[in-house]
Amino acid sequence: MPKLQRSFRRPKKPDGPGNANLARDLTLALFIKFCLLGILWWAFFAGKKVPVDAGSVAQALLNPSMNRLQEKP
Protein backbone atom coordinates (compact mmCIF):
# COMPACT_ATOMS: atom_id res chain seq x y z
CA MET A 1 0.00 0.00 0.00
CA PRO A 2 1.41 3.42 -0.88
CA LYS A 3 2.49 5.75 1.92
CA LEU A 4 -0.17 8.33 1.11
CA GLN A 5 -3.03 5.85 1.54
CA ARG A 6 -1.59 4.59 4.80
CA SER A 7 -1.45 8.10 6.25
CA PHE A 8 -5.15 8.76 5.51
CA ARG A 9 -6.46 5.48 6.89
CA ARG A 10 -8.59 5.67 10.00
CA PRO A 11 -6.97 4.25 13.07
CA LYS A 12 -8.62 1.18 14.54
CA LYS A 13 -10.99 1.59 17.42
CA PRO A 14 -9.37 0.45 20.62
CA ASP A 15 -10.86 -2.82 21.80
CA GLY A 16 -10.78 -4.32 25.23
CA PRO A 17 -9.23 -2.54 28.21
CA GLY A 18 -8.49 0.66 26.25
CA ASN A 19 -12.13 1.72 26.42
CA ALA A 20 -12.34 0.92 30.11
CA ASN A 21 -9.24 3.01 30.83
CA LEU A 22 -10.68 5.92 28.87
CA ALA A 23 -13.99 5.71 30.73
CA ARG A 24 -12.18 5.55 34.07
CA ASP A 25 -9.98 8.52 33.19
CA LEU A 26 -12.95 10.61 32.04
CA THR A 27 -14.92 9.72 35.16
CA LEU A 28 -11.99 10.68 37.37
CA ALA A 29 -11.49 13.97 35.50
CA LEU A 30 -15.18 14.87 35.84
CA PHE A 31 -15.17 13.96 39.53
CA ILE A 32 -12.15 16.18 40.17
CA LYS A 33 -13.71 19.00 38.15
CA PHE A 34 -16.96 18.91 40.12
CA CYS A 35 -15.07 18.76 43.42
CA LEU A 36 -13.06 21.85 42.45
CA LEU A 37 -16.20 23.67 41.33
CA GLY A 38 -17.84 22.82 44.65
CA ILE A 39 -14.85 24.12 46.58
CA LEU A 40 -14.87 27.36 44.56
CA TRP A 41 -18.60 27.79 45.14
CA TRP A 42 -18.21 27.16 48.85
CA ALA A 43 -15.28 29.58 49.13
CA PHE A 44 -16.81 32.49 47.21
CA PHE A 45 -20.60 32.13 47.05
CA ALA A 46 -21.93 30.01 49.90
CA GLY A 47 -23.43 32.11 52.65
CA LYS A 48 -23.02 35.39 50.79
CA LYS A 49 -26.51 36.83 50.53
CA VAL A 50 -27.61 40.30 49.54
CA PRO A 51 -30.45 41.70 51.65
CA VAL A 52 -33.45 42.52 49.47
CA ASP A 53 -36.09 45.03 50.44
CA ALA A 54 -39.52 44.14 49.06
CA GLY A 55 -40.44 47.79 48.59
CA SER A 56 -37.41 48.58 46.44
CA VAL A 57 -38.02 45.50 44.30
CA ALA A 58 -41.67 46.45 43.78
CA GLN A 59 -40.67 50.01 42.90
CA ALA A 60 -38.09 48.81 40.38
CA LEU A 61 -40.53 46.40 38.74
CA LEU A 62 -43.64 48.55 38.77
CA ASN A 63 -42.23 52.03 38.13
CA PRO A 64 -43.02 52.93 34.51
CA SER A 65 -40.20 55.48 34.26
CA MET A 66 -37.63 52.77 35.02
CA ASN A 67 -39.12 50.24 32.61
CA ARG A 68 -36.54 49.50 29.92
CA LEU A 69 -39.03 47.67 27.73
CA GLN A 70 -41.00 50.80 26.98
CA GLU A 71 -40.52 52.28 23.57
CA LYS A 72 -38.94 55.71 23.46
CA PRO A 73 -41.12 58.40 21.76
C-alpha atoms as a PDB file:
ATOM      1  CA  MET A   1       0.000   0.000   0.000  1.00  0.00           C
ATOM      2  CA  PRO A   2       1.409   3.422  -0.881  1.00  0.00           C
ATOM      3  CA  LYS A   3       2.493   5.747   1.922  1.00  0.00           C
ATOM      4  CA  LEU A   4      -0.168   8.334   1.110  1.00  0.00           C
ATOM      5  CA  GLN A   5      -3.028   5.852   1.537  1.00  0.00           C
ATOM      6  CA  ARG A   6      -1.589   4.588   4.802  1.00  0.00           C
ATOM      7  CA  SER A   7      -1.448   8.100   6.249  1.00  0.00           C
ATOM      8  CA  PHE A   8      -5.147   8.755   5.507  1.00  0.00           C
ATOM      9  CA  ARG A   9      -6.464   5.477   6.890  1.00  0.00           C
ATOM     10  CA  ARG A  10      -8.593   5.668   9.999  1.00  0.00           C
ATOM     11  CA  PRO A  11      -6.967   4.254  13.073  1.00  0.00           C
ATOM     12  CA  LYS A  12      -8.621   1.180  14.539  1.00  0.00           C
ATOM     13  CA  LYS A  13     -10.995   1.590  17.421  1.00  0.00           C
ATOM     14  CA  PRO A  14      -9.373   0.445  20.616  1.00  0.00           C
ATOM     15  CA  ASP A  15     -10.856  -2.816  21.796  1.00  0.00           C
ATOM     16  CA  GLY A  16     -10.781  -4.316  25.226  1.00  0.00           C
ATOM     17  CA  PRO A  17      -9.228  -2.538  28.205  1.00  0.00           C
ATOM     18  CA  GLY A  18      -8.487   0.657  26.248  1.00  0.00           C
ATOM     19  CA  ASN A  19     -12.134   1.721  26.419  1.00  0.00           C
ATOM     20  CA  ALA A  20     -12.343   0.919  30.112  1.00  0.00           C
ATOM     21  CA  ASN A  21      -9.244   3.009  30.826  1.00  0.00           C
ATOM     22  CA  LEU A  22     -10.678   5.922  28.872  1.00  0.00           C
ATOM     23  CA  ALA A  23     -13.993   5.712  30.730  1.00  0.00           C
ATOM     24  CA  ARG A  24     -12.181   5.550  34.074  1.00  0.00           C
ATOM     25  CA  ASP A  25      -9.985   8.521  33.189  1.00  0.00           C
ATOM     26  CA  LEU A  26     -12.954  10.609  32.044  1.00  0.00           C
ATOM     27  CA  THR A  27     -14.920   9.724  35.161  1.00  0.00           C
ATOM     28  CA  LEU A  28     -11.991  10.677  37.370  1.00  0.00           C
ATOM     29  CA  ALA A  29     -11.489  13.965  35.501  1.00  0.00           C
ATOM     30  CA  LEU A  30     -15.179  14.871  35.842  1.00  0.00           C
ATOM     31  CA  PHE A  31     -15.171  13.964  39.534  1.00  0.00           C
ATOM     32  CA  ILE A  32     -12.148  16.177  40.173  1.00  0.00           C
ATOM     33  CA  LYS A  33     -13.709  19.000  38.150  1.00  0.00           C
ATOM     34  CA  PHE A  34     -16.959  18.911  40.122  1.00  0.00           C
ATOM     35  CA  CYS A  35     -15.067  18.760  43.416  1.00  0.00           C
ATOM     36  CA  LEU A  36     -13.059  21.847  42.454  1.00  0.00           C
ATOM     37  CA  LEU A  37     -16.201  23.669  41.333  1.00  0.00           C
ATOM     38  CA  GLY A  38     -17.839  22.815  44.651  1.00  0.00           C
ATOM     39  CA  ILE A  39     -14.848  24.123  46.581  1.00  0.00           C
ATOM     40  CA  LEU A  40     -14.875  27.360  44.561  1.00  0.00           C
ATOM     41  CA  TRP A  41     -18.604  27.791  45.139  1.00  0.00           C
ATOM     42  CA  TRP A  42     -18.214  27.163  48.855  1.00  0.00           C
ATOM     43  CA  ALA A  43     -15.279  29.579  49.127  1.00  0.00           C
ATOM     44  CA  PHE A  44     -16.811  32.487  47.208  1.00  0.00           C
ATOM     45  CA  PHE A  45     -20.596  32.129  47.048  1.00  0.00           C
ATOM     46  CA  ALA A  46     -21.931  30.008  49.904  1.00  0.00           C
ATOM     47  CA  GLY A  47     -23.427  32.109  52.653  1.00  0.00           C
ATOM     48  CA  LYS A  48     -23.024  35.394  50.790  1.00  0.00           C
ATOM     49  CA  LYS A  49     -26.510  36.828  50.530  1.00  0.00           C
ATOM     50  CA  VAL A  50     -27.608  40.301  49.538  1.00  0.00           C
ATOM     51  CA  PRO A  51     -30.446  41.700  51.650  1.00  0.00           C
ATOM     52  CA  VAL A  52     -33.449  42.516  49.472  1.00  0.00           C
ATOM     53  CA  ASP A  53     -36.088  45.029  50.439  1.00  0.00           C
ATOM     54  CA  ALA A  54     -39.519  44.137  49.058  1.00  0.00           C
ATOM     55  CA  GLY A  55     -40.438  47.793  48.595  1.00  0.00           C
ATOM     56  CA  SER A  56     -37.409  48.580  46.438  1.00  0.00           C
ATOM     57  CA  VAL A  57     -38.020  45.498  44.298  1.00  0.00           C
ATOM     58  CA  ALA A  58     -41.668  46.452  43.777  1.00  0.00           C
ATOM     59  CA  GLN A  59     -40.672  50.014  42.897  1.00  0.00           C
ATOM     60  CA  ALA A  60     -38.087  48.809  40.380  1.00  0.00           C
ATOM     61  CA  LEU A  61     -40.526  46.402  38.737  1.00  0.00           C
ATOM     62  CA  LEU A  62     -43.643  48.553  38.767  1.00  0.00           C
ATOM     63  CA  ASN A  63     -42.228  52.027  38.134  1.00  0.00           C
ATOM     64  CA  PRO A  64     -43.018  52.930  34.505  1.00  0.00           C
ATOM     65  CA  SER A  65     -40.195  55.481  34.259  1.00  0.00           C
ATOM     66  CA  MET A  66     -37.626  52.767  35.022  1.00  0.00           C
ATOM     67  CA  ASN A  67     -39.118  50.242  32.610  1.00  0.00           C
ATOM     68  CA  ARG A  68     -36.541  49.503  29.919  1.00  0.00           C
ATOM     69  CA  LEU A  69     -39.032  47.668  27.734  1.00  0.00           C
ATOM     70  CA  GLN A  70     -40.997  50.802  26.984  1.00  0.00           C
ATOM     71  CA  GLU A  71     -40.517  52.277  23.571  1.00  0.00           C
ATOM     72  CA  LYS A  72     -38.944  55.708  23.457  1.00  0.00           C
ATOM     73  CA  PRO A  73     -41.118  58.396  21.761  1.00  0.00           C
END
